[in-house]
Every structure is written in C-alpha cells, then in structure tokens.
Protein backbone atom coordinates (compact mmCIF):
# COMPACT_ATOMS: atom_id res chain seq x y z
CA MET A 1 2.77 -2.06 -13.52
CA GLU A 2 -0.46 -1.23 -16.08
CA THR A 3 -3.85 -2.84 -14.28
CA CYS A 4 -5.79 -4.82 -16.73
CA PRO A 5 -9.49 -3.55 -17.27
CA TYR A 6 -10.37 -6.66 -17.43
CA CYS A 7 -9.06 -8.58 -14.39
CA GLY A 8 -7.42 -6.05 -11.95
CA GLY A 9 -4.37 -7.97 -12.61
CA GLN A 10 -1.18 -6.79 -14.50
CA LEU A 11 -1.64 -6.27 -17.99
CA ILE A 12 1.50 -7.26 -19.54
CA SER A 13 1.02 -10.37 -17.41
CA CYS A 14 -2.23 -11.19 -17.82
CA GLY A 15 -2.98 -12.70 -20.69
CA HIS A 16 -5.88 -9.34 -21.97
CA PHE A 17 -3.70 -7.12 -23.57
CA GLU A 18 -4.56 -8.72 -27.24
CA LEU A 19 -8.19 -8.30 -26.09
CA LEU A 20 -8.13 -4.11 -25.53
CA ARG A 21 -5.06 -3.71 -28.50
CA LYS A 22 -8.23 -5.20 -30.74
CA GLY A 23 -10.88 -3.04 -28.83
CA GLU A 24 -13.07 -6.38 -27.97
CA GLU A 25 -15.67 -5.77 -25.56
CA THR A 26 -17.06 -8.29 -22.69
CA LYS A 27 -20.32 -8.48 -21.79
CA GLY A 28 -21.49 -5.43 -24.13
CA ILE A 29 -18.86 -2.56 -22.82
CA ARG A 30 -15.50 -1.96 -24.25
CA LEU A 31 -13.02 -0.99 -21.85
CA TYR A 32 -10.57 1.10 -22.40
CA ARG A 33 -6.59 0.93 -20.90
CA ILE A 34 -6.21 2.19 -17.50
CA PRO A 35 -3.18 4.23 -17.71
CA PHE A 36 -0.45 3.88 -14.55
CA VAL A 37 -0.53 6.38 -12.17
CA GLN A 38 2.22 5.96 -9.65
CA VAL A 39 1.23 6.70 -6.16
CA PRO A 40 3.83 7.58 -3.84
CA ASN A 41 4.48 5.71 -0.54
CA MET A 42 4.24 8.21 2.48
CA CYS A 43 4.64 8.09 5.97
CA ALA A 44 0.79 8.02 7.40
CA LEU A 45 1.86 10.27 10.08
CA CYS A 46 4.31 12.97 8.97
CA GLY A 47 3.89 12.70 5.36
CA GLU A 48 6.95 12.22 4.43
CA LEU A 49 7.35 11.18 0.51
CA TRP A 50 8.90 7.78 -0.12
CA PRO A 51 10.61 6.84 3.56
CA ASN A 52 13.33 4.22 3.44
CA PHE A 53 11.95 1.13 4.47
CA PHE A 54 12.88 -0.89 7.39
CA THR A 55 11.59 -4.09 9.43
CA VAL A 56 11.50 -4.67 12.89
CA PRO A 57 9.24 -7.81 14.44
CA ASP A 58 5.88 -8.17 14.30
CA SER A 59 5.49 -8.51 17.95
CA GLU A 60 7.35 -5.25 18.48
CA TRP A 61 5.52 -3.23 16.01
CA LYS A 62 2.10 -4.35 17.36
CA LYS A 63 3.54 -3.57 21.03
CA TYR A 64 4.55 0.13 19.92
CA VAL A 65 2.01 0.66 16.68
CA ILE A 66 -1.41 1.98 17.49
CA PRO A 67 -4.00 -0.35 15.47
CA GLU A 68 -5.18 2.61 13.54
CA LEU A 69 -1.48 2.96 11.72
CA GLN A 70 -0.35 -1.32 12.17
CA LYS A 71 -1.21 -1.47 8.23
CA LYS A 72 0.17 1.76 7.20
CA ILE A 73 3.81 3.40 6.19
CA LEU A 74 5.37 5.19 8.85
CA CYS A 75 9.19 6.51 8.91
CA MET A 76 11.42 5.46 11.25
CA SER A 77 11.38 8.78 12.56
CA CYS A 78 7.71 8.33 13.48
CA TYR A 79 8.45 5.07 14.35
CA GLU A 80 10.54 5.79 16.64
CA LYS A 81 8.48 8.53 18.45
CA GLN A 82 5.64 6.09 18.55
CA LYS A 83 7.68 3.71 20.77
CA THR A 84 8.61 7.42 22.96
CA LEU A 85 5.18 8.13 23.65
CA PHE A 86 4.48 4.22 24.70
CA PRO A 87 7.66 3.20 26.33
CA GLU A 88 5.82 0.09 27.88
CA GLY A 89 3.88 -0.37 24.20
CA TRP A 90 0.46 1.32 23.91
CA HIS A 91 -1.94 -1.36 25.21
CA LEU A 92 -3.57 -0.46 28.57
CA LYS A 93 -2.97 -2.70 31.93
CA GLN A 94 -5.30 -3.37 33.54
C-alpha cells in the first residue's frame, strides 16, 4: 500500500524499493519514503464512514444520482433518498 516516490506506483511491486533503501538520488534529488495513510471511504452526502458497498446498473445510477455525485461513494440510505427525491430520474423533461 505504500506509494513509491519515484513512479507513484505501489512500492512493494514497482522495483524502486532498493533505490530508496540505499538512499540513491534521482535527478539530483533524494527522495524519501512516503508513509501509508489509510483514508476512509465515506458517503459523499451524509459522511458515514466505511459504508457497505452495493451495486446497481450504470443506467440506474446515472438516472437517480445527480452528476456531481456520480463518481462519489454513496451509502445505501443516501442512494435510496436520491431515488425518492427524483422518482422519474433527475433529468428535467423538456
């Protein structure tokens, strides 16, 4: 899970661990290890930490979830609220 400061990949599998261990420089700059910090998943609406994941078809997600939230995590409760708010979908009919 630790990020490689050379390539941005996962340090354990990218092949740069030995360079860091030896303290070698790249382009005249000595890079240091980046500690792993676990950032919690949270619902974008209510802030619930570590919500249970669930799946819905993409077409349904795009129908009920407004664009600003479509690439975010929602808990099941907030997803159901979106469906209640927009029973016909969030798109305005023209």
